[in-house]
Amino acid sequence: MANTSSAKKAVRQIARRTAVNKSRRTRMRTAVREVEEAIASGNREAAVAAFRRAQPIVMRTGQKGVIHANTASRKVSRLAQRIKAMQDHQPAV
């Protein structure tokens, strides 16, 4: 248990920051999952739309320090690769 007033304040700040970070991480995971589901369904337009919504969320999560910045970049890059691969394998109409 915190004894000093500064330690008690630190505990409050940590709890607040943890809640914010948890919210940001959840929002990011949901956005990434929506992109992955759209890719799995084979609907390229839906995948691109979901990716455009997810990219700033993922990058902001990295910028805020919830996840490492390189991890955010890697996630965005791999999603973009998978969407690009869908384009290459589309049958000609």
N, C-alpha and C. Protein backbone atom coordinates (compact mmCIF):
# COMPACT_ATOMS: atom_id res chain seq x y z
N MET A 1 0.85 -1.18 0.00
CA MET A 1 0.00 0.00 0.00
C MET A 1 0.89 1.24 0.00
N ALA A 2 0.47 2.25 -0.79
CA ALA A 2 1.25 3.48 -0.88
C ALA A 2 1.18 4.24 0.45
N ASN A 3 2.33 4.75 0.89
CA ASN A 3 2.39 5.47 2.17
C ASN A 3 2.40 6.99 1.98
N THR A 4 3.20 7.46 1.06
CA THR A 4 3.33 8.91 0.88
C THR A 4 2.26 9.44 -0.07
N SER A 5 2.02 10.74 0.02
CA SER A 5 1.01 11.34 -0.85
C SER A 5 1.42 11.24 -2.31
N SER A 6 2.72 11.36 -2.59
CA SER A 6 3.18 11.27 -3.98
C SER A 6 3.01 9.84 -4.51
N ALA A 7 3.19 8.85 -3.65
CA ALA A 7 3.00 7.47 -4.07
C ALA A 7 1.53 7.19 -4.32
N LYS A 8 0.66 7.77 -3.48
CA LYS A 8 -0.78 7.60 -3.68
C LYS A 8 -1.22 8.23 -4.99
N LYS A 9 -0.67 9.39 -5.30
CA LYS A 9 -0.99 10.07 -6.56
C LYS A 9 -0.50 9.23 -7.73
N ALA A 10 0.70 8.66 -7.61
CA ALA A 10 1.26 7.82 -8.67
C ALA A 10 0.35 6.63 -8.94
N VAL A 11 -0.19 6.04 -7.89
CA VAL A 11 -1.10 4.90 -8.04
C VAL A 11 -2.34 5.32 -8.83
N ARG A 12 -2.88 6.51 -8.50
CA ARG A 12 -4.06 7.01 -9.22
C ARG A 12 -3.73 7.25 -10.70
N GLN A 13 -2.57 7.83 -10.96
CA GLN A 13 -2.18 8.12 -12.34
C GLN A 13 -1.99 6.84 -13.14
N ILE A 14 -1.36 5.86 -12.52
CA ILE A 14 -1.12 4.59 -13.19
C ILE A 14 -2.44 3.92 -13.53
N ALA A 15 -3.39 3.94 -12.60
CA ALA A 15 -4.70 3.33 -12.84
C ALA A 15 -5.41 4.02 -14.00
N ARG A 16 -5.35 5.34 -14.03
CA ARG A 16 -6.00 6.11 -15.10
C ARG A 16 -5.35 5.79 -16.45
N ARG A 17 -4.01 5.78 -16.47
CA ARG A 17 -3.28 5.52 -17.71
C ARG A 17 -3.52 4.10 -18.20
N THR A 18 -3.60 3.15 -17.27
CA THR A 18 -3.85 1.76 -17.63
C THR A 18 -5.21 1.62 -18.31
N ALA A 19 -6.21 2.32 -17.78
CA ALA A 19 -7.55 2.27 -18.37
C ALA A 19 -7.56 2.85 -19.77
N VAL A 20 -6.86 3.96 -19.96
CA VAL A 20 -6.79 4.59 -21.28
C VAL A 20 -6.07 3.68 -22.26
N ASN A 21 -4.95 3.12 -21.84
CA ASN A 21 -4.18 2.24 -22.71
C ASN A 21 -4.97 0.99 -23.08
N LYS A 22 -5.73 0.47 -22.12
CA LYS A 22 -6.53 -0.72 -22.40
C LYS A 22 -7.59 -0.40 -23.46
N SER A 23 -8.20 0.77 -23.34
CA SER A 23 -9.19 1.19 -24.32
C SER A 23 -8.56 1.33 -25.70
N ARG A 24 -7.40 1.94 -25.76
CA ARG A 24 -6.72 2.13 -27.06
C ARG A 24 -6.33 0.79 -27.67
N ARG A 25 -5.83 -0.11 -26.85
CA ARG A 25 -5.42 -1.43 -27.34
C ARG A 25 -6.63 -2.21 -27.87
N THR A 26 -7.74 -2.13 -27.15
CA THR A 26 -8.96 -2.81 -27.57
C THR A 26 -9.46 -2.26 -28.90
N ARG A 27 -9.46 -0.92 -29.02
CA ARG A 27 -9.90 -0.28 -30.26
C ARG A 27 -9.03 -0.72 -31.44
N MET A 28 -7.71 -0.80 -31.20
CA MET A 28 -6.79 -1.21 -32.25
C MET A 28 -7.04 -2.66 -32.67
N ARG A 29 -7.20 -3.54 -31.70
CA ARG A 29 -7.40 -4.95 -32.01
C ARG A 29 -8.70 -5.16 -32.78
N THR A 30 -9.74 -4.42 -32.40
CA THR A 30 -11.01 -4.52 -33.11
C THR A 30 -10.85 -4.07 -34.55
N ALA A 31 -10.15 -2.97 -34.77
CA ALA A 31 -9.95 -2.45 -36.12
C ALA A 31 -9.17 -3.44 -36.97
N VAL A 32 -8.12 -4.03 -36.39
CA VAL A 32 -7.32 -5.01 -37.13
C VAL A 32 -8.16 -6.25 -37.44
N ARG A 33 -8.97 -6.68 -36.47
CA ARG A 33 -9.82 -7.85 -36.70
C ARG A 33 -10.82 -7.61 -37.83
N GLU A 34 -11.36 -6.40 -37.91
CA GLU A 34 -12.31 -6.08 -38.99
C GLU A 34 -11.64 -6.18 -40.35
N VAL A 35 -10.39 -5.72 -40.43
CA VAL A 35 -9.65 -5.83 -41.69
C VAL A 35 -9.40 -7.30 -42.03
N GLU A 36 -8.98 -8.07 -41.05
CA GLU A 36 -8.70 -9.49 -41.29
C GLU A 36 -9.95 -10.25 -41.71
N GLU A 37 -11.09 -9.92 -41.12
CA GLU A 37 -12.34 -10.57 -41.49
C GLU A 37 -12.72 -10.21 -42.92
N ALA A 38 -12.52 -8.95 -43.31
CA ALA A 38 -12.84 -8.52 -44.67
C ALA A 38 -11.92 -9.22 -45.67
N ILE A 39 -10.65 -9.39 -45.30
CA ILE A 39 -9.71 -10.10 -46.18
C ILE A 39 -10.15 -11.56 -46.32
N ALA A 40 -10.53 -12.17 -45.20
CA ALA A 40 -10.95 -13.58 -45.22
C ALA A 40 -12.21 -13.78 -46.05
N SER A 41 -13.10 -12.78 -46.06
CA SER A 41 -14.33 -12.90 -46.83
C SER A 41 -14.08 -12.77 -48.33
N GLY A 42 -12.91 -12.22 -48.69
CA GLY A 42 -12.58 -12.09 -50.10
C GLY A 42 -13.11 -10.81 -50.73
N ASN A 43 -13.73 -9.97 -49.95
CA ASN A 43 -14.29 -8.71 -50.46
C ASN A 43 -13.22 -7.64 -50.38
N ARG A 44 -12.59 -7.32 -51.52
CA ARG A 44 -11.47 -6.38 -51.53
C ARG A 44 -11.91 -4.97 -51.15
N GLU A 45 -13.08 -4.55 -51.64
CA GLU A 45 -13.54 -3.19 -51.35
C GLU A 45 -13.76 -3.01 -49.84
N ALA A 46 -14.36 -4.00 -49.21
CA ALA A 46 -14.59 -3.95 -47.76
C ALA A 46 -13.25 -3.96 -47.01
N ALA A 47 -12.30 -4.75 -47.52
CA ALA A 47 -10.99 -4.84 -46.88
C ALA A 47 -10.26 -3.50 -46.96
N VAL A 48 -10.34 -2.85 -48.12
CA VAL A 48 -9.68 -1.55 -48.29
C VAL A 48 -10.32 -0.51 -47.38
N ALA A 49 -11.66 -0.52 -47.32
CA ALA A 49 -12.36 0.44 -46.47
C ALA A 49 -12.01 0.22 -45.00
N ALA A 50 -11.98 -1.03 -44.56
CA ALA A 50 -11.63 -1.34 -43.17
C ALA A 50 -10.18 -0.97 -42.88
N PHE A 51 -9.30 -1.18 -43.87
CA PHE A 51 -7.89 -0.84 -43.70
C PHE A 51 -7.72 0.66 -43.54
N ARG A 52 -8.47 1.44 -44.33
CA ARG A 52 -8.37 2.90 -44.23
C ARG A 52 -8.83 3.40 -42.87
N ARG A 53 -9.80 2.70 -42.28
CA ARG A 53 -10.24 3.07 -40.92
C ARG A 53 -9.22 2.62 -39.88
N ALA A 54 -8.61 1.47 -40.10
CA ALA A 54 -7.73 0.87 -39.09
C ALA A 54 -6.34 1.49 -39.06
N GLN A 55 -5.83 1.90 -40.20
CA GLN A 55 -4.44 2.37 -40.25
C GLN A 55 -4.16 3.51 -39.27
N PRO A 56 -4.97 4.59 -39.25
CA PRO A 56 -4.65 5.66 -38.30
C PRO A 56 -4.80 5.22 -36.84
N ILE A 57 -5.71 4.32 -36.58
CA ILE A 57 -5.90 3.83 -35.21
C ILE A 57 -4.66 3.07 -34.76
N VAL A 58 -4.16 2.18 -35.62
CA VAL A 58 -2.97 1.38 -35.28
C VAL A 58 -1.75 2.29 -35.10
N MET A 59 -1.57 3.23 -36.02
CA MET A 59 -0.40 4.11 -35.93
C MET A 59 -0.47 5.01 -34.70
N ARG A 60 -1.67 5.49 -34.36
CA ARG A 60 -1.83 6.33 -33.18
C ARG A 60 -1.52 5.52 -31.92
N THR A 61 -1.93 4.26 -31.91
CA THR A 61 -1.65 3.39 -30.77
C THR A 61 -0.15 3.26 -30.57
N GLY A 62 0.59 3.14 -31.67
CA GLY A 62 2.05 3.07 -31.58
C GLY A 62 2.65 4.40 -31.16
N GLN A 63 2.11 5.47 -31.67
CA GLN A 63 2.62 6.80 -31.36
C GLN A 63 2.43 7.13 -29.87
N LYS A 64 1.33 6.67 -29.29
CA LYS A 64 1.05 6.94 -27.89
C LYS A 64 1.82 6.02 -26.95
N GLY A 65 2.51 5.02 -27.50
CA GLY A 65 3.34 4.16 -26.67
C GLY A 65 2.60 2.96 -26.10
N VAL A 66 1.38 2.71 -26.54
CA VAL A 66 0.65 1.54 -26.05
C VAL A 66 1.31 0.28 -26.61
N ILE A 67 1.67 0.33 -27.89
CA ILE A 67 2.50 -0.71 -28.49
C ILE A 67 3.71 0.00 -29.07
N HIS A 68 4.74 -0.74 -29.37
CA HIS A 68 5.95 -0.14 -29.94
C HIS A 68 5.64 0.40 -31.33
N ALA A 69 6.26 1.50 -31.69
CA ALA A 69 6.02 2.14 -32.98
C ALA A 69 6.33 1.19 -34.14
N ASN A 70 7.40 0.40 -34.01
CA ASN A 70 7.75 -0.54 -35.07
C ASN A 70 6.71 -1.65 -35.19
N THR A 71 6.12 -2.05 -34.08
CA THR A 71 5.07 -3.06 -34.11
C THR A 71 3.87 -2.53 -34.87
N ALA A 72 3.51 -1.28 -34.63
CA ALA A 72 2.39 -0.66 -35.34
C ALA A 72 2.68 -0.62 -36.84
N SER A 73 3.87 -0.21 -37.20
CA SER A 73 4.24 -0.14 -38.62
C SER A 73 4.20 -1.52 -39.25
N ARG A 74 4.68 -2.53 -38.52
CA ARG A 74 4.69 -3.89 -39.05
C ARG A 74 3.27 -4.40 -39.28
N LYS A 75 2.36 -4.12 -38.33
CA LYS A 75 0.97 -4.55 -38.49
C LYS A 75 0.34 -3.92 -39.72
N VAL A 76 0.53 -2.61 -39.88
CA VAL A 76 -0.05 -1.90 -41.03
C VAL A 76 0.54 -2.45 -42.32
N SER A 77 1.85 -2.65 -42.34
CA SER A 77 2.52 -3.14 -43.53
C SER A 77 2.01 -4.53 -43.93
N ARG A 78 1.85 -5.40 -42.97
CA ARG A 78 1.41 -6.77 -43.28
C ARG A 78 -0.04 -6.80 -43.75
N LEU A 79 -0.88 -5.95 -43.15
CA LEU A 79 -2.26 -5.88 -43.62
C LEU A 79 -2.30 -5.35 -45.06
N ALA A 80 -1.49 -4.34 -45.33
CA ALA A 80 -1.45 -3.77 -46.69
C ALA A 80 -0.98 -4.81 -47.69
N GLN A 81 0.01 -5.61 -47.31
CA GLN A 81 0.50 -6.68 -48.18
C GLN A 81 -0.60 -7.67 -48.51
N ARG A 82 -1.37 -8.05 -47.50
CA ARG A 82 -2.43 -9.04 -47.70
C ARG A 82 -3.52 -8.48 -48.61
N ILE A 83 -3.83 -7.19 -48.46
CA ILE A 83 -4.84 -6.58 -49.33
C ILE A 83 -4.32 -6.49 -50.76
N LYS A 84 -3.06 -6.16 -50.90
CA LYS A 84 -2.45 -6.08 -52.24
C LYS A 84 -2.45 -7.45 -52.90
N ALA A 85 -2.21 -8.48 -52.13
CA ALA A 85 -2.21 -9.84 -52.68
C ALA A 85 -3.59 -10.23 -53.18
N MET A 86 -4.64 -9.69 -52.55
CA MET A 86 -6.01 -9.97 -53.01
C MET A 86 -6.19 -9.42 -54.42
N GLN A 87 -5.64 -8.24 -54.68
CA GLN A 87 -5.76 -7.60 -55.99
C GLN A 87 -5.09 -8.46 -57.05
N ASP A 88 -3.93 -9.00 -56.72
CA ASP A 88 -3.18 -9.80 -57.69
C ASP A 88 -3.88 -11.10 -58.05
N HIS A 89 -4.70 -11.62 -57.14
CA HIS A 89 -5.35 -12.91 -57.38
C HIS A 89 -6.81 -12.78 -57.81
N GLN A 90 -7.26 -11.56 -58.11
CA GLN A 90 -8.63 -11.38 -58.56
C GLN A 90 -8.77 -11.91 -59.99
N PRO A 91 -9.81 -12.69 -60.27
CA PRO A 91 -10.01 -13.17 -61.64
C PRO A 91 -10.42 -12.01 -62.55
N ALA A 92 -9.98 -12.06 -63.79
CA ALA A 92 -10.33 -11.01 -64.75
C ALA A 92 -11.80 -11.14 -65.13
N VAL A 93 -12.47 -10.00 -65.15
CA VAL A 93 -13.92 -10.01 -65.46
C VAL A 93 -14.12 -9.64 -66.90
